[in-house]
Amino acid sequence: MISQRALRILAPLLIGAVFLGVWEAIVRVKGIPPYILPAPSAVARSLWVDGPSLLGSLLVTLRITLAALAAAALIGGAIALLFSRSRILELSLFPYAVILQVTPIVAIAPLIIIWVRQPFLALLVCAWIVAFFPIVSNTTVGLNSADRNLLALFRLYGASPGQILLGCRPPSPTSWPGCGLAAGWH
């Protein structure tokens, strides 16, 4: 019998191997040119041969990605916090965040490249936009999904806004040891 832990590792690996095998078979049987859809074996061969020269590009991509994610998380989290604290601010600006979230980046990327002359900064802005709006909308929804009865209880016991934020707004506060009501907000 396979343990749960082994199953969690083996199942995705098996699905990935089947996917790659089917991909390889389709490319070979259909004779699809590599410039349209390269076979996994061609990708692996290219990575092996050109790996050192691709490493520099990977590092640039990782630098842009991590910087954009950090900025999006910081700024998006702060804006979501403002939205959760002010209902009028959320009602006024949240619809724009949702509209901008569904705007394809390819529609605005040319404008960003024109406006931001430095390529690294333009790529950073594009990556930031991709990450920023989902962070704002999902964090806002998460912060506002706290149990209303639990919020009322925190207010009844005279909890400060900071205590409410840390003890009640994160998901499932009573299931975390040492948090929420288990920590004794009284």
N, C-alpha and C. Protein backbone atom coordinates (compact mmCIF):
# COMPACT_ATOMS: atom_id res chain seq x y z
N MET A 1 0.85 -1.19 0.00
CA MET A 1 0.00 0.00 0.00
C MET A 1 0.89 1.25 0.00
N ILE A 2 0.55 2.20 -0.83
CA ILE A 2 1.32 3.45 -0.94
C ILE A 2 0.84 4.43 0.12
N SER A 3 1.77 5.05 0.81
CA SER A 3 1.40 6.01 1.84
C SER A 3 0.89 7.29 1.20
N GLN A 4 0.18 8.08 2.00
CA GLN A 4 -0.37 9.35 1.52
C GLN A 4 0.74 10.29 1.04
N ARG A 5 1.83 10.30 1.77
CA ARG A 5 2.94 11.19 1.41
C ARG A 5 3.55 10.79 0.07
N ALA A 6 3.75 9.51 -0.13
CA ALA A 6 4.29 9.03 -1.40
C ALA A 6 3.32 9.30 -2.54
N LEU A 7 2.03 9.14 -2.25
CA LEU A 7 1.01 9.40 -3.27
C LEU A 7 1.00 10.87 -3.69
N ARG A 8 1.18 11.75 -2.72
CA ARG A 8 1.22 13.19 -3.03
C ARG A 8 2.41 13.55 -3.90
N ILE A 9 3.46 12.79 -3.82
CA ILE A 9 4.65 13.04 -4.64
C ILE A 9 4.55 12.32 -5.98
N LEU A 10 4.14 11.06 -5.94
CA LEU A 10 4.12 10.24 -7.15
C LEU A 10 3.02 10.63 -8.13
N ALA A 11 1.84 10.99 -7.63
CA ALA A 11 0.73 11.31 -8.52
C ALA A 11 1.05 12.49 -9.46
N PRO A 12 1.54 13.62 -8.95
CA PRO A 12 1.89 14.71 -9.87
C PRO A 12 3.04 14.35 -10.81
N LEU A 13 4.01 13.57 -10.31
CA LEU A 13 5.12 13.17 -11.17
C LEU A 13 4.63 12.27 -12.31
N LEU A 14 3.73 11.37 -11.99
CA LEU A 14 3.18 10.48 -13.00
C LEU A 14 2.37 11.26 -14.03
N ILE A 15 1.54 12.16 -13.58
CA ILE A 15 0.74 12.99 -14.51
C ILE A 15 1.67 13.82 -15.38
N GLY A 16 2.72 14.40 -14.81
CA GLY A 16 3.68 15.18 -15.58
C GLY A 16 4.39 14.34 -16.63
N ALA A 17 4.79 13.12 -16.26
CA ALA A 17 5.46 12.23 -17.21
C ALA A 17 4.53 11.82 -18.34
N VAL A 18 3.27 11.53 -18.01
CA VAL A 18 2.29 11.18 -19.05
C VAL A 18 2.07 12.38 -19.98
N PHE A 19 1.94 13.57 -19.41
CA PHE A 19 1.74 14.78 -20.22
C PHE A 19 2.91 14.98 -21.18
N LEU A 20 4.14 14.88 -20.66
CA LEU A 20 5.32 15.05 -21.51
C LEU A 20 5.40 13.96 -22.58
N GLY A 21 5.04 12.73 -22.22
CA GLY A 21 5.05 11.65 -23.20
C GLY A 21 4.04 11.87 -24.31
N VAL A 22 2.84 12.29 -23.94
CA VAL A 22 1.82 12.58 -24.96
C VAL A 22 2.25 13.75 -25.83
N TRP A 23 2.81 14.77 -25.24
CA TRP A 23 3.31 15.93 -25.99
C TRP A 23 4.37 15.48 -27.00
N GLU A 24 5.34 14.71 -26.53
CA GLU A 24 6.41 14.22 -27.40
C GLU A 24 5.83 13.39 -28.55
N ALA A 25 4.88 12.50 -28.23
CA ALA A 25 4.28 11.64 -29.26
C ALA A 25 3.51 12.47 -30.30
N ILE A 26 2.75 13.44 -29.86
CA ILE A 26 1.97 14.27 -30.79
C ILE A 26 2.90 15.03 -31.72
N VAL A 27 3.96 15.61 -31.18
CA VAL A 27 4.90 16.38 -32.01
C VAL A 27 5.55 15.48 -33.05
N ARG A 28 5.93 14.27 -32.64
CA ARG A 28 6.61 13.35 -33.57
C ARG A 28 5.64 12.78 -34.61
N VAL A 29 4.47 12.34 -34.18
CA VAL A 29 3.51 11.72 -35.09
C VAL A 29 2.98 12.73 -36.11
N LYS A 30 2.66 13.92 -35.63
CA LYS A 30 2.11 14.96 -36.52
C LYS A 30 3.19 15.68 -37.31
N GLY A 31 4.44 15.52 -36.93
CA GLY A 31 5.53 16.20 -37.62
C GLY A 31 5.49 17.71 -37.46
N ILE A 32 5.13 18.16 -36.25
CA ILE A 32 5.02 19.60 -35.98
C ILE A 32 6.42 20.20 -35.95
N PRO A 33 6.65 21.27 -36.72
CA PRO A 33 7.98 21.90 -36.73
C PRO A 33 8.34 22.46 -35.35
N PRO A 34 9.63 22.42 -34.98
CA PRO A 34 10.05 22.89 -33.65
C PRO A 34 9.80 24.37 -33.42
N TYR A 35 9.73 25.17 -34.48
CA TYR A 35 9.48 26.60 -34.26
C TYR A 35 8.01 26.87 -33.93
N ILE A 36 7.13 25.89 -34.16
CA ILE A 36 5.73 26.02 -33.76
C ILE A 36 5.52 25.40 -32.38
N LEU A 37 5.96 24.15 -32.22
CA LEU A 37 5.86 23.47 -30.92
C LEU A 37 7.02 22.50 -30.78
N PRO A 38 8.05 22.89 -30.04
CA PRO A 38 9.18 21.97 -29.87
C PRO A 38 8.80 20.80 -28.96
N ALA A 39 9.36 19.68 -29.24
CA ALA A 39 9.15 18.49 -28.40
C ALA A 39 9.88 18.67 -27.08
N PRO A 40 9.39 18.02 -26.02
CA PRO A 40 10.10 18.11 -24.73
C PRO A 40 11.56 17.68 -24.83
N SER A 41 11.84 16.70 -25.68
CA SER A 41 13.23 16.27 -25.84
C SER A 41 14.08 17.38 -26.45
N ALA A 42 13.50 18.16 -27.38
CA ALA A 42 14.23 19.28 -27.98
C ALA A 42 14.46 20.39 -26.95
N VAL A 43 13.48 20.60 -26.10
CA VAL A 43 13.62 21.60 -25.04
C VAL A 43 14.73 21.18 -24.08
N ALA A 44 14.71 19.92 -23.68
CA ALA A 44 15.74 19.41 -22.75
C ALA A 44 17.13 19.49 -23.39
N ARG A 45 17.22 19.13 -24.68
CA ARG A 45 18.51 19.20 -25.38
C ARG A 45 19.01 20.65 -25.43
N SER A 46 18.10 21.57 -25.73
CA SER A 46 18.48 22.99 -25.80
C SER A 46 18.93 23.51 -24.44
N LEU A 47 18.23 23.09 -23.39
CA LEU A 47 18.63 23.50 -22.04
C LEU A 47 20.01 22.96 -21.69
N TRP A 48 20.29 21.73 -22.10
CA TRP A 48 21.59 21.12 -21.81
C TRP A 48 22.71 21.83 -22.56
N VAL A 49 22.46 22.12 -23.85
CA VAL A 49 23.49 22.73 -24.69
C VAL A 49 23.65 24.22 -24.39
N ASP A 50 22.53 24.94 -24.27
CA ASP A 50 22.56 26.39 -24.13
C ASP A 50 22.34 26.85 -22.69
N GLY A 51 22.34 25.94 -21.75
CA GLY A 51 22.05 26.27 -20.36
C GLY A 51 22.87 27.41 -19.78
N PRO A 52 24.20 27.38 -19.94
CA PRO A 52 25.00 28.48 -19.37
C PRO A 52 24.64 29.85 -19.93
N SER A 53 24.35 29.93 -21.22
CA SER A 53 24.01 31.24 -21.79
C SER A 53 22.60 31.66 -21.39
N LEU A 54 21.72 30.70 -21.10
CA LEU A 54 20.36 31.03 -20.67
C LEU A 54 20.30 31.41 -19.19
N LEU A 55 21.31 31.05 -18.43
CA LEU A 55 21.32 31.33 -17.00
C LEU A 55 21.28 32.83 -16.71
N GLY A 56 21.99 33.62 -17.52
CA GLY A 56 21.96 35.08 -17.34
C GLY A 56 20.56 35.63 -17.53
N SER A 57 19.86 35.14 -18.54
CA SER A 57 18.48 35.59 -18.78
C SER A 57 17.55 35.16 -17.66
N LEU A 58 17.78 33.95 -17.15
CA LEU A 58 16.98 33.46 -16.02
C LEU A 58 17.15 34.36 -14.81
N LEU A 59 18.37 34.77 -14.53
CA LEU A 59 18.63 35.63 -13.38
C LEU A 59 17.96 36.99 -13.52
N VAL A 60 17.97 37.55 -14.74
CA VAL A 60 17.28 38.82 -14.99
C VAL A 60 15.78 38.65 -14.77
N THR A 61 15.23 37.56 -15.30
CA THR A 61 13.80 37.30 -15.14
C THR A 61 13.43 37.12 -13.68
N LEU A 62 14.23 36.37 -12.94
CA LEU A 62 13.96 36.17 -11.51
C LEU A 62 14.05 37.48 -10.74
N ARG A 63 15.01 38.30 -11.08
CA ARG A 63 15.16 39.60 -10.41
C ARG A 63 13.92 40.47 -10.63
N ILE A 64 13.45 40.53 -11.87
CA ILE A 64 12.25 41.32 -12.19
C ILE A 64 11.04 40.73 -11.48
N THR A 65 10.90 39.42 -11.53
CA THR A 65 9.75 38.76 -10.93
C THR A 65 9.69 38.97 -9.43
N LEU A 66 10.80 38.77 -8.75
CA LEU A 66 10.81 38.92 -7.29
C LEU A 66 10.61 40.37 -6.86
N ALA A 67 11.20 41.30 -7.59
CA ALA A 67 11.01 42.72 -7.26
C ALA A 67 9.56 43.14 -7.48
N ALA A 68 8.98 42.69 -8.59
CA ALA A 68 7.58 43.03 -8.88
C ALA A 68 6.64 42.40 -7.86
N LEU A 69 6.90 41.16 -7.49
CA LEU A 69 6.06 40.50 -6.50
C LEU A 69 6.16 41.18 -5.14
N ALA A 70 7.36 41.54 -4.73
CA ALA A 70 7.54 42.22 -3.45
C ALA A 70 6.81 43.56 -3.44
N ALA A 71 6.97 44.33 -4.51
CA ALA A 71 6.30 45.63 -4.58
C ALA A 71 4.79 45.47 -4.63
N ALA A 72 4.31 44.49 -5.40
CA ALA A 72 2.86 44.26 -5.49
C ALA A 72 2.29 43.80 -4.16
N ALA A 73 3.00 42.93 -3.47
CA ALA A 73 2.52 42.45 -2.17
C ALA A 73 2.49 43.57 -1.14
N LEU A 74 3.52 44.39 -1.14
CA LEU A 74 3.59 45.49 -0.18
C LEU A 74 2.51 46.54 -0.45
N ILE A 75 2.49 47.04 -1.68
CA ILE A 75 1.54 48.09 -2.03
C ILE A 75 0.11 47.54 -2.08
N GLY A 76 -0.06 46.36 -2.69
CA GLY A 76 -1.39 45.76 -2.78
C GLY A 76 -1.96 45.42 -1.42
N GLY A 77 -1.11 44.88 -0.54
CA GLY A 77 -1.57 44.57 0.81
C GLY A 77 -1.96 45.81 1.58
N ALA A 78 -1.19 46.89 1.41
CA ALA A 78 -1.52 48.14 2.10
C ALA A 78 -2.84 48.72 1.60
N ILE A 79 -3.04 48.67 0.28
CA ILE A 79 -4.30 49.19 -0.28
C ILE A 79 -5.48 48.32 0.16
N ALA A 80 -5.30 47.00 0.18
CA ALA A 80 -6.36 46.10 0.64
C ALA A 80 -6.69 46.37 2.10
N LEU A 81 -5.67 46.67 2.89
CA LEU A 81 -5.89 47.01 4.29
C LEU A 81 -6.71 48.30 4.41
N LEU A 82 -6.38 49.28 3.57
CA LEU A 82 -7.17 50.52 3.55
C LEU A 82 -8.61 50.24 3.14
N PHE A 83 -8.78 49.39 2.13
CA PHE A 83 -10.13 49.03 1.68
C PHE A 83 -10.92 48.35 2.80
N SER A 84 -10.26 47.48 3.57
CA SER A 84 -10.96 46.78 4.64
C SER A 84 -11.29 47.70 5.81
N ARG A 85 -10.55 48.79 5.95
CA ARG A 85 -10.79 49.74 7.05
C ARG A 85 -11.81 50.81 6.68
N SER A 86 -11.94 51.11 5.37
CA SER A 86 -12.85 52.18 4.96
C SER A 86 -13.79 51.66 3.87
N ARG A 87 -15.03 51.48 4.25
CA ARG A 87 -16.02 50.95 3.31
C ARG A 87 -16.24 51.90 2.13
N ILE A 88 -16.24 53.20 2.37
CA ILE A 88 -16.46 54.17 1.29
C ILE A 88 -15.30 54.16 0.30
N LEU A 89 -14.08 54.01 0.82
CA LEU A 89 -12.91 53.93 -0.05
C LEU A 89 -12.97 52.65 -0.90
N GLU A 90 -13.37 51.56 -0.28
CA GLU A 90 -13.50 50.30 -1.02
C GLU A 90 -14.57 50.41 -2.10
N LEU A 91 -15.73 50.96 -1.74
CA LEU A 91 -16.81 51.10 -2.72
C LEU A 91 -16.43 52.02 -3.86
N SER A 92 -15.59 53.02 -3.58
CA SER A 92 -15.19 53.98 -4.61
C SER A 92 -14.12 53.44 -5.54
N LEU A 93 -13.15 52.72 -5.02
CA LEU A 93 -11.98 52.33 -5.82
C LEU A 93 -11.90 50.86 -6.21
N PHE A 94 -12.55 49.96 -5.45
CA PHE A 94 -12.44 48.54 -5.73
C PHE A 94 -12.93 48.16 -7.13
N PRO A 95 -14.02 48.75 -7.62
CA PRO A 95 -14.44 48.41 -9.00
C PRO A 95 -13.35 48.72 -10.04
N TYR A 96 -12.61 49.78 -9.84
CA TYR A 96 -11.52 50.10 -10.78
C TYR A 96 -10.40 49.07 -10.70
N ALA A 97 -10.14 48.59 -9.50
CA ALA A 97 -9.12 47.56 -9.35
C ALA A 97 -9.53 46.28 -10.08
N VAL A 98 -10.81 45.94 -10.00
CA VAL A 98 -11.29 44.74 -10.69
C VAL A 98 -11.24 44.93 -12.20
N ILE A 99 -11.63 46.11 -12.69
CA ILE A 99 -11.59 46.39 -14.13
C ILE A 99 -10.15 46.33 -14.63
N LEU A 100 -9.24 46.93 -13.91
CA LEU A 100 -7.84 46.91 -14.33
C LEU A 100 -7.24 45.51 -14.22
N GLN A 101 -7.77 44.69 -13.31
CA GLN A 101 -7.27 43.33 -13.17
C GLN A 101 -7.57 42.50 -14.40
N VAL A 102 -8.72 42.72 -15.03
CA VAL A 102 -9.10 41.91 -16.18
C VAL A 102 -8.62 42.51 -17.50
N THR A 103 -7.96 43.66 -17.45
CA THR A 103 -7.40 44.24 -18.66
C THR A 103 -6.15 43.46 -19.06
N PRO A 104 -6.11 42.95 -20.30
CA PRO A 104 -4.92 42.17 -20.70
C PRO A 104 -3.66 43.04 -20.71
N ILE A 105 -2.59 42.49 -20.19
CA ILE A 105 -1.33 43.24 -20.11
C ILE A 105 -0.81 43.57 -21.50
N VAL A 106 -1.11 42.72 -22.49
CA VAL A 106 -0.65 42.99 -23.86
C VAL A 106 -1.32 44.23 -24.43
N ALA A 107 -2.44 44.63 -23.86
CA ALA A 107 -3.11 45.84 -24.35
C ALA A 107 -2.40 47.10 -23.87
N ILE A 108 -1.77 47.04 -22.70
CA ILE A 108 -1.14 48.24 -22.16
C ILE A 108 0.38 48.18 -22.15
N ALA A 109 0.95 47.01 -22.42
CA ALA A 109 2.42 46.89 -22.42
C ALA A 109 3.09 47.83 -23.41
N PRO A 110 2.57 47.99 -24.65
CA PRO A 110 3.23 48.94 -25.56
C PRO A 110 3.26 50.37 -25.02
N LEU A 111 2.20 50.77 -24.35
CA LEU A 111 2.18 52.12 -23.76
C LEU A 111 3.21 52.25 -22.64
N ILE A 112 3.32 51.21 -21.83
CA ILE A 112 4.30 51.24 -20.74
C ILE A 112 5.71 51.32 -21.32
N ILE A 113 5.97 50.55 -22.37
CA ILE A 113 7.30 50.56 -22.99
C ILE A 113 7.62 51.93 -23.58
N ILE A 114 6.60 52.60 -24.13
CA ILE A 114 6.80 53.94 -24.69
C ILE A 114 7.03 54.96 -23.57
N TRP A 115 6.22 54.88 -22.51
CA TRP A 115 6.30 55.86 -21.43
C TRP A 115 7.52 55.66 -20.55
N VAL A 116 7.87 54.42 -20.28
CA VAL A 116 9.01 54.12 -19.42
C VAL A 116 10.17 53.73 -20.34
N ARG A 117 11.10 54.59 -20.50
CA ARG A 117 12.17 54.40 -21.49
C ARG A 117 13.17 53.29 -21.13
N GLN A 118 13.35 53.03 -19.86
CA GLN A 118 14.33 52.04 -19.43
C GLN A 118 13.70 50.64 -19.49
N PRO A 119 14.28 49.71 -20.26
CA PRO A 119 13.67 48.38 -20.44
C PRO A 119 13.44 47.61 -19.14
N PHE A 120 14.42 47.62 -18.23
CA PHE A 120 14.25 46.90 -16.98
C PHE A 120 13.06 47.44 -16.20
N LEU A 121 12.94 48.75 -16.13
CA LEU A 121 11.85 49.37 -15.39
C LEU A 121 10.51 49.10 -16.06
N ALA A 122 10.47 49.12 -17.40
CA ALA A 122 9.23 48.82 -18.12
C ALA A 122 8.77 47.39 -17.85
N LEU A 123 9.72 46.45 -17.86
CA LEU A 123 9.38 45.06 -17.55
C LEU A 123 8.92 44.92 -16.11
N LEU A 124 9.55 45.65 -15.22
CA LEU A 124 9.16 45.63 -13.81
C LEU A 124 7.73 46.13 -13.64
N VAL A 125 7.39 47.22 -14.32
CA VAL A 125 6.03 47.77 -14.24
C VAL A 125 5.01 46.77 -14.78
N CYS A 126 5.32 46.14 -15.91
CA CYS A 126 4.41 45.14 -16.49
C CYS A 126 4.20 43.97 -15.53
N ALA A 127 5.26 43.46 -14.96
CA ALA A 127 5.16 42.35 -14.01
C ALA A 127 4.43 42.78 -12.75
N TRP A 128 4.64 44.01 -12.32
CA TRP A 128 3.96 44.52 -11.13
C TRP A 128 2.46 44.60 -11.37
N ILE A 129 2.06 45.06 -12.54
CA ILE A 129 0.63 45.16 -12.85
C ILE A 129 -0.03 43.79 -12.83
N VAL A 130 0.67 42.80 -13.39
CA VAL A 130 0.12 41.44 -13.41
C VAL A 130 -0.12 40.92 -11.99
N ALA A 131 0.77 41.23 -11.07
CA ALA A 131 0.66 40.72 -9.71
C ALA A 131 -0.18 41.61 -8.79
N PHE A 132 -0.18 42.91 -9.04
CA PHE A 132 -0.78 43.87 -8.11
C PHE A 132 -2.29 43.70 -7.96
N PHE A 133 -3.02 43.67 -9.05
CA PHE A 133 -4.48 43.68 -8.95
C PHE A 133 -5.06 42.40 -8.36
N PRO A 134 -4.54 41.22 -8.69
CA PRO A 134 -5.04 40.04 -7.98
C PRO A 134 -4.74 40.08 -6.48
N ILE A 135 -3.61 40.63 -6.11
CA ILE A 135 -3.28 40.74 -4.68
C ILE A 135 -4.25 41.68 -3.99
N VAL A 136 -4.53 42.83 -4.60
CA VAL A 136 -5.46 43.78 -3.99
C VAL A 136 -6.85 43.15 -3.84
N SER A 137 -7.36 42.59 -4.93
CA SER A 137 -8.74 42.08 -4.87
C SER A 137 -8.86 40.88 -3.94
N ASN A 138 -7.93 39.95 -4.01
CA ASN A 138 -8.04 38.76 -3.17
C ASN A 138 -7.77 39.06 -1.70
N THR A 139 -6.83 39.96 -1.42
CA THR A 139 -6.56 40.32 -0.02
C THR A 139 -7.74 41.08 0.56
N THR A 140 -8.35 41.95 -0.24
CA THR A 140 -9.53 42.68 0.23
C THR A 140 -10.67 41.72 0.55
N VAL A 141 -10.92 40.79 -0.35
CA VAL A 141 -11.97 39.80 -0.10
C VAL A 141 -11.64 38.98 1.14
N GLY A 142 -10.39 38.58 1.29
CA GLY A 142 -9.99 37.80 2.45
C GLY A 142 -10.15 38.56 3.76
N LEU A 143 -9.73 39.81 3.77
CA LEU A 143 -9.85 40.62 4.99
C LEU A 143 -11.31 40.90 5.34
N ASN A 144 -12.16 41.02 4.32
CA ASN A 144 -13.57 41.31 4.57
C ASN A 144 -14.41 40.06 4.82
N SER A 145 -13.81 38.88 4.75
CA SER A 145 -14.59 37.65 4.92
C SER A 145 -14.55 37.13 6.35
N ALA A 146 -14.12 37.95 7.26
CA ALA A 146 -14.09 37.52 8.67
C ALA A 146 -15.52 37.28 9.15
N ASP A 147 -15.68 36.34 10.03
CA ASP A 147 -16.97 36.00 10.60
C ASP A 147 -17.54 37.22 11.33
N ARG A 148 -18.74 37.64 10.94
CA ARG A 148 -19.36 38.85 11.53
C ARG A 148 -19.61 38.69 13.03
N ASN A 149 -19.97 37.48 13.44
CA ASN A 149 -20.20 37.24 14.87
C ASN A 149 -18.90 37.37 15.66
N LEU A 150 -17.81 36.89 15.08
CA LEU A 150 -16.51 37.00 15.73
C LEU A 150 -16.08 38.47 15.81
N LEU A 151 -16.33 39.22 14.73
CA LEU A 151 -16.04 40.66 14.75
C LEU A 151 -16.83 41.35 15.87
N ALA A 152 -18.10 41.01 15.96
CA ALA A 152 -18.94 41.62 17.01
C ALA A 152 -18.43 41.27 18.40
N LEU A 153 -17.98 40.02 18.57
CA LEU A 153 -17.45 39.59 19.86
C LEU A 153 -16.17 40.36 20.21
N PHE A 154 -15.30 40.53 19.23
CA PHE A 154 -14.06 41.29 19.47
C PHE A 154 -14.40 42.72 19.87
N ARG A 155 -15.36 43.32 19.19
CA ARG A 155 -15.75 44.70 19.52
C ARG A 155 -16.39 44.77 20.91
N LEU A 156 -17.19 43.76 21.23
CA LEU A 156 -17.84 43.70 22.54
C LEU A 156 -16.82 43.67 23.67
N TYR A 157 -15.73 42.95 23.47
CA TYR A 157 -14.67 42.88 24.48
C TYR A 157 -13.72 44.07 24.42
N GLY A 158 -13.99 45.03 23.54
CA GLY A 158 -13.19 46.24 23.47
C GLY A 158 -11.85 46.07 22.78
N ALA A 159 -11.78 45.17 21.82
CA ALA A 159 -10.53 44.97 21.10
C ALA A 159 -10.22 46.19 20.24
N SER A 160 -8.96 46.53 20.17
CA SER A 160 -8.53 47.66 19.33
C SER A 160 -8.58 47.25 17.86
N PRO A 161 -8.54 48.22 16.93
CA PRO A 161 -8.51 47.86 15.51
C PRO A 161 -7.34 46.95 15.15
N GLY A 162 -6.19 47.15 15.79
CA GLY A 162 -5.04 46.29 15.54
C GLY A 162 -5.27 44.86 16.02
N GLN A 163 -5.90 44.73 17.19
CA GLN A 163 -6.22 43.40 17.70
C GLN A 163 -7.24 42.70 16.81
N ILE A 164 -8.20 43.46 16.32
CA ILE A 164 -9.20 42.88 15.41
C ILE A 164 -8.53 42.44 14.12
N LEU A 165 -7.63 43.27 13.61
CA LEU A 165 -6.94 42.92 12.37
C LEU A 165 -6.12 41.66 12.54
N LEU A 166 -5.34 41.57 13.61
CA LEU A 166 -4.44 40.43 13.80
C LEU A 166 -5.16 39.18 14.31
N GLY A 167 -6.22 39.36 15.08
CA GLY A 167 -6.86 38.22 15.70
C GLY A 167 -8.11 37.73 15.03
N CYS A 168 -8.72 38.57 14.21
CA CYS A 168 -10.02 38.20 13.65
C CYS A 168 -10.04 38.19 12.13
N ARG A 169 -9.31 39.06 11.49
CA ARG A 169 -9.38 39.18 10.04
C ARG A 169 -8.66 38.07 9.27
N PRO A 170 -7.54 37.52 9.76
CA PRO A 170 -6.95 36.41 9.00
C PRO A 170 -7.90 35.22 8.97
N PRO A 171 -7.79 34.35 7.97
CA PRO A 171 -8.70 33.22 7.89
C PRO A 171 -8.56 32.28 9.08
N SER A 172 -9.68 31.77 9.53
CA SER A 172 -9.76 30.79 10.60
C SER A 172 -8.93 31.13 11.83
N PRO A 173 -9.16 32.29 12.45
CA PRO A 173 -8.31 32.66 13.58
C PRO A 173 -8.43 31.71 14.76
N THR A 174 -9.59 31.11 14.98
CA THR A 174 -9.74 30.24 16.15
C THR A 174 -9.03 28.91 15.94
N SER A 175 -8.66 28.58 14.70
CA SER A 175 -7.97 27.31 14.46
C SER A 175 -6.46 27.44 14.63
N TRP A 176 -5.97 28.66 14.80
CA TRP A 176 -4.53 28.87 14.97
C TRP A 176 -4.22 28.86 16.46
N PRO A 177 -3.29 28.03 16.89
CA PRO A 177 -2.94 28.03 18.32
C PRO A 177 -2.37 29.38 18.75
N GLY A 178 -2.90 29.90 19.83
CA GLY A 178 -2.37 31.15 20.37
C GLY A 178 -2.94 32.39 19.73
N CYS A 179 -3.88 32.24 18.80
CA CYS A 179 -4.45 33.41 18.12
C CYS A 179 -5.92 33.54 18.48
N GLY A 180 -6.44 34.71 18.19
CA GLY A 180 -7.86 34.97 18.34
C GLY A 180 -8.33 34.77 19.76
N LEU A 181 -9.47 34.09 19.88
CA LEU A 181 -10.07 33.90 21.19
C LEU A 181 -9.22 33.00 22.09
N ALA A 182 -8.47 32.08 21.44
CA ALA A 182 -7.61 31.19 22.23
C ALA A 182 -6.53 31.98 22.98
N ALA A 183 -6.16 33.14 22.46
CA ALA A 183 -5.13 33.96 23.11
C ALA A 183 -5.73 34.77 24.26
N GLY A 184 -7.07 34.82 24.37
CA GLY A 184 -7.70 35.51 25.48
C GLY A 184 -7.81 37.01 25.26
N TRP A 185 -8.66 37.42 24.31
CA TRP A 185 -8.86 38.85 24.04
C TRP A 185 -9.86 39.38 25.06
N HIS A 186 -9.42 39.62 26.26
CA HIS A 186 -10.33 40.22 27.24
C HIS A 186 -9.58 41.07 28.22
